[in-house]
N, C-alpha and C. Protein backbone atom coordinates (compact mmCIF):
# COMPACT_ATOMS: atom_id res chain seq x y z
N MET A 1 7.12 -39.14 52.42
CA MET A 1 6.12 -40.02 52.99
C MET A 1 6.82 -41.30 53.44
N LYS A 2 6.57 -41.68 54.68
CA LYS A 2 7.17 -42.89 55.24
C LYS A 2 6.09 -43.97 55.32
N PHE A 3 6.36 -45.13 54.70
CA PHE A 3 5.43 -46.25 54.69
C PHE A 3 5.92 -47.33 55.65
N THR A 4 5.05 -47.73 56.57
CA THR A 4 5.35 -48.84 57.47
C THR A 4 4.34 -49.94 57.19
N GLU A 5 4.86 -51.12 56.82
CA GLU A 5 3.96 -52.24 56.51
C GLU A 5 3.26 -52.70 57.78
N THR A 6 2.02 -53.19 57.60
CA THR A 6 1.26 -53.78 58.69
C THR A 6 1.21 -55.29 58.48
N PRO A 7 0.75 -56.05 59.45
CA PRO A 7 0.63 -57.50 59.26
C PRO A 7 -0.32 -57.88 58.13
N LEU A 8 -1.24 -56.99 57.75
CA LEU A 8 -2.18 -57.26 56.67
C LEU A 8 -1.57 -56.80 55.34
N ALA A 9 -1.37 -57.74 54.43
CA ALA A 9 -0.74 -57.44 53.15
C ALA A 9 -1.46 -56.30 52.43
N GLY A 10 -0.68 -55.34 51.94
CA GLY A 10 -1.24 -54.22 51.19
C GLY A 10 -1.73 -53.07 52.04
N ALA A 11 -1.62 -53.18 53.36
CA ALA A 11 -2.03 -52.10 54.26
C ALA A 11 -0.79 -51.49 54.90
N PHE A 12 -0.74 -50.18 54.92
CA PHE A 12 0.42 -49.46 55.44
C PHE A 12 -0.02 -48.36 56.40
N VAL A 13 0.85 -48.03 57.32
CA VAL A 13 0.73 -46.78 58.08
C VAL A 13 1.61 -45.81 57.31
N ILE A 14 1.02 -44.70 56.87
CA ILE A 14 1.75 -43.72 56.08
C ILE A 14 1.90 -42.45 56.91
N GLU A 15 3.13 -42.05 57.14
CA GLU A 15 3.40 -40.84 57.91
C GLU A 15 3.98 -39.79 56.97
N SER A 16 3.44 -38.61 57.04
CA SER A 16 3.94 -37.51 56.23
C SER A 16 4.92 -36.69 57.06
N ALA A 17 6.07 -36.42 56.48
CA ALA A 17 7.08 -35.62 57.17
C ALA A 17 6.96 -34.18 56.71
N ALA A 18 6.98 -33.26 57.66
CA ALA A 18 6.86 -31.84 57.35
C ALA A 18 8.24 -31.25 57.07
N ALA A 19 8.30 -30.43 56.04
CA ALA A 19 9.49 -29.61 55.79
C ALA A 19 9.21 -28.29 56.50
N VAL A 20 10.05 -27.95 57.46
CA VAL A 20 9.80 -26.78 58.31
C VAL A 20 10.88 -25.73 58.07
N ASP A 21 10.46 -24.48 57.96
CA ASP A 21 11.40 -23.36 57.91
C ASP A 21 10.76 -22.15 58.58
N GLU A 22 11.35 -20.98 58.44
CA GLU A 22 10.86 -19.79 59.14
C GLU A 22 9.45 -19.37 58.71
N ARG A 23 8.99 -19.83 57.55
CA ARG A 23 7.65 -19.49 57.07
C ARG A 23 6.56 -20.36 57.67
N GLY A 24 6.94 -21.53 58.17
CA GLY A 24 5.97 -22.49 58.67
C GLY A 24 6.36 -23.89 58.23
N SER A 25 5.39 -24.64 57.70
CA SER A 25 5.70 -26.01 57.28
C SER A 25 4.94 -26.36 56.01
N PHE A 26 5.43 -27.39 55.34
CA PHE A 26 4.83 -27.91 54.12
C PHE A 26 4.85 -29.42 54.22
N VAL A 27 3.68 -30.05 53.99
CA VAL A 27 3.57 -31.51 54.08
C VAL A 27 2.95 -32.05 52.81
N ARG A 28 3.59 -33.04 52.23
CA ARG A 28 3.02 -33.73 51.07
C ARG A 28 2.10 -34.82 51.60
N THR A 29 0.81 -34.72 51.29
CA THR A 29 -0.16 -35.69 51.80
C THR A 29 -0.58 -36.70 50.74
N TRP A 30 -0.30 -36.43 49.47
CA TRP A 30 -0.69 -37.34 48.41
C TRP A 30 0.33 -37.25 47.28
N CYS A 31 0.91 -38.36 46.90
CA CYS A 31 1.84 -38.40 45.78
C CYS A 31 1.57 -39.69 45.01
N ALA A 32 0.97 -39.57 43.84
CA ALA A 32 0.59 -40.74 43.04
C ALA A 32 1.78 -41.65 42.77
N GLU A 33 2.93 -41.06 42.47
CA GLU A 33 4.11 -41.86 42.16
C GLU A 33 4.57 -42.67 43.37
N THR A 34 4.59 -42.05 44.54
CA THR A 34 5.01 -42.75 45.76
C THR A 34 4.01 -43.83 46.14
N LEU A 35 2.72 -43.54 46.06
CA LEU A 35 1.70 -44.54 46.38
C LEU A 35 1.78 -45.72 45.42
N ALA A 36 1.92 -45.44 44.13
CA ALA A 36 2.01 -46.51 43.13
C ALA A 36 3.25 -47.37 43.36
N ALA A 37 4.34 -46.76 43.82
CA ALA A 37 5.56 -47.52 44.11
C ALA A 37 5.35 -48.54 45.23
N HIS A 38 4.31 -48.33 46.05
CA HIS A 38 3.98 -49.27 47.12
C HIS A 38 2.79 -50.15 46.75
N GLY A 39 2.45 -50.18 45.45
CA GLY A 39 1.41 -51.08 44.97
C GLY A 39 -0.01 -50.58 45.16
N LEU A 40 -0.18 -49.29 45.45
CA LEU A 40 -1.52 -48.73 45.66
C LEU A 40 -2.00 -48.00 44.42
N ASN A 41 -3.26 -48.18 44.08
CA ASN A 41 -3.86 -47.46 42.96
C ASN A 41 -4.06 -46.02 43.41
N ALA A 42 -3.31 -45.12 42.82
CA ALA A 42 -3.30 -43.73 43.29
C ALA A 42 -4.21 -42.80 42.50
N SER A 43 -5.05 -43.34 41.62
CA SER A 43 -5.97 -42.46 40.91
C SER A 43 -7.11 -42.09 41.86
N ILE A 44 -7.41 -40.81 41.92
CA ILE A 44 -8.43 -40.33 42.85
C ILE A 44 -9.79 -40.35 42.18
N ALA A 45 -10.71 -41.16 42.72
CA ALA A 45 -12.07 -41.23 42.21
C ALA A 45 -13.03 -40.50 43.13
N LEU A 46 -12.66 -40.35 44.40
CA LEU A 46 -13.53 -39.74 45.40
C LEU A 46 -12.69 -39.20 46.54
N CYS A 47 -13.07 -38.05 47.05
CA CYS A 47 -12.41 -37.49 48.22
C CYS A 47 -13.52 -36.99 49.14
N ALA A 48 -13.47 -37.37 50.42
CA ALA A 48 -14.52 -36.99 51.36
C ALA A 48 -13.90 -36.61 52.70
N VAL A 49 -14.59 -35.75 53.43
CA VAL A 49 -14.15 -35.33 54.76
C VAL A 49 -15.27 -35.62 55.74
N SER A 50 -14.91 -36.22 56.87
CA SER A 50 -15.87 -36.51 57.93
C SER A 50 -15.47 -35.72 59.16
N ARG A 51 -16.42 -35.05 59.77
CA ARG A 51 -16.16 -34.34 61.01
C ARG A 51 -17.14 -34.86 62.05
N ASN A 52 -16.61 -35.35 63.14
CA ASN A 52 -17.44 -35.89 64.21
C ASN A 52 -17.43 -34.91 65.38
N THR A 53 -18.61 -34.58 65.87
CA THR A 53 -18.70 -33.60 66.95
C THR A 53 -18.66 -34.25 68.33
N ARG A 54 -18.90 -35.56 68.39
CA ARG A 54 -18.90 -36.26 69.69
C ARG A 54 -17.80 -37.32 69.72
N ARG A 55 -17.09 -37.38 70.83
CA ARG A 55 -16.08 -38.42 71.05
C ARG A 55 -16.77 -39.79 71.00
N GLY A 56 -16.09 -40.78 70.42
CA GLY A 56 -16.62 -42.13 70.38
C GLY A 56 -17.55 -42.40 69.20
N THR A 57 -17.65 -41.46 68.26
CA THR A 57 -18.52 -41.65 67.10
C THR A 57 -18.00 -42.83 66.27
N LEU A 58 -18.90 -43.71 65.86
CA LEU A 58 -18.56 -44.87 65.05
C LEU A 58 -19.00 -44.64 63.62
N ARG A 59 -18.11 -44.85 62.68
CA ARG A 59 -18.43 -44.77 61.27
C ARG A 59 -18.52 -46.19 60.71
N GLY A 60 -19.15 -46.36 59.56
CA GLY A 60 -19.44 -47.69 59.03
C GLY A 60 -18.26 -48.42 58.44
N MET A 61 -18.39 -49.74 58.38
CA MET A 61 -17.44 -50.61 57.72
C MET A 61 -17.95 -50.88 56.31
N HIS A 62 -17.04 -51.02 55.38
CA HIS A 62 -17.43 -51.20 53.98
C HIS A 62 -16.72 -52.42 53.41
N TRP A 63 -17.50 -53.31 52.83
CA TRP A 63 -16.98 -54.50 52.18
C TRP A 63 -16.83 -54.19 50.70
N GLN A 64 -15.61 -54.30 50.20
CA GLN A 64 -15.38 -53.98 48.79
C GLN A 64 -14.53 -55.06 48.14
N THR A 65 -15.05 -55.62 47.06
CA THR A 65 -14.32 -56.61 46.29
C THR A 65 -14.24 -56.13 44.85
N PRO A 66 -13.26 -56.61 44.10
CA PRO A 66 -13.16 -56.20 42.69
C PRO A 66 -14.46 -56.49 41.96
N PRO A 67 -14.87 -55.64 41.08
CA PRO A 67 -14.16 -54.47 40.55
C PRO A 67 -14.43 -53.18 41.34
N PHE A 68 -15.00 -53.28 42.54
CA PHE A 68 -15.36 -52.09 43.30
C PHE A 68 -14.38 -51.76 44.42
N ALA A 69 -13.32 -52.55 44.58
CA ALA A 69 -12.34 -52.31 45.63
C ALA A 69 -11.62 -50.98 45.37
N GLU A 70 -11.25 -50.29 46.45
CA GLU A 70 -10.58 -49.00 46.35
C GLU A 70 -9.41 -48.94 47.33
N ALA A 71 -8.38 -48.22 46.94
CA ALA A 71 -7.32 -47.88 47.89
C ALA A 71 -7.86 -46.72 48.72
N LYS A 72 -7.65 -46.75 50.02
CA LYS A 72 -8.18 -45.68 50.88
C LYS A 72 -7.09 -45.16 51.79
N THR A 73 -7.16 -43.87 52.08
CA THR A 73 -6.30 -43.29 53.10
C THR A 73 -7.20 -42.67 54.16
N VAL A 74 -6.75 -42.73 55.40
CA VAL A 74 -7.47 -42.13 56.52
C VAL A 74 -6.49 -41.19 57.21
N CYS A 75 -6.91 -39.97 57.44
CA CYS A 75 -6.04 -38.97 58.06
C CYS A 75 -6.82 -38.29 59.18
N CYS A 76 -6.20 -38.17 60.32
CA CYS A 76 -6.83 -37.49 61.46
C CYS A 76 -6.12 -36.16 61.67
N LEU A 77 -6.83 -35.07 61.48
CA LEU A 77 -6.23 -33.74 61.61
C LEU A 77 -6.17 -33.24 63.04
N ARG A 78 -7.12 -33.69 63.85
CA ARG A 78 -7.15 -33.27 65.25
C ARG A 78 -7.82 -34.37 66.06
N GLY A 79 -7.34 -34.58 67.26
CA GLY A 79 -7.90 -35.63 68.10
C GLY A 79 -7.23 -36.96 67.82
N ALA A 80 -8.00 -38.02 67.76
CA ALA A 80 -7.45 -39.37 67.55
C ALA A 80 -8.43 -40.18 66.74
N VAL A 81 -7.93 -41.21 66.08
CA VAL A 81 -8.77 -42.11 65.31
C VAL A 81 -8.34 -43.54 65.62
N HIS A 82 -9.30 -44.43 65.68
CA HIS A 82 -9.02 -45.86 65.81
C HIS A 82 -9.57 -46.47 64.53
N ASP A 83 -8.68 -46.76 63.59
CA ASP A 83 -9.08 -47.29 62.29
C ASP A 83 -8.91 -48.80 62.30
N VAL A 84 -9.89 -49.52 61.80
CA VAL A 84 -9.87 -50.97 61.80
C VAL A 84 -9.93 -51.49 60.37
N ILE A 85 -9.06 -52.45 60.05
CA ILE A 85 -9.06 -53.10 58.75
C ILE A 85 -9.44 -54.56 58.98
N VAL A 86 -10.40 -55.05 58.24
CA VAL A 86 -10.84 -56.43 58.37
C VAL A 86 -10.51 -57.15 57.08
N ASP A 87 -9.80 -58.26 57.17
CA ASP A 87 -9.42 -59.02 55.99
C ASP A 87 -10.37 -60.20 55.86
């Protein structure tokens, strides 16, 4: 997993590198030890999948402060995503 820091402290672009061989590929998408090494709480409390059928679909913004703040990952499997972080 490659972590690239963003201008917003504590926010990263995380890229997963695929190990490829004749069978196909294998990608590590979650590693508690690696996430914790970057200061992220890696305990999983919730996992959800969103599928949008129309281009341009807008999903909600969520305000979270301690003790309800959560580390979040966003992954786009197909198409594109425009993810916004507000500090």
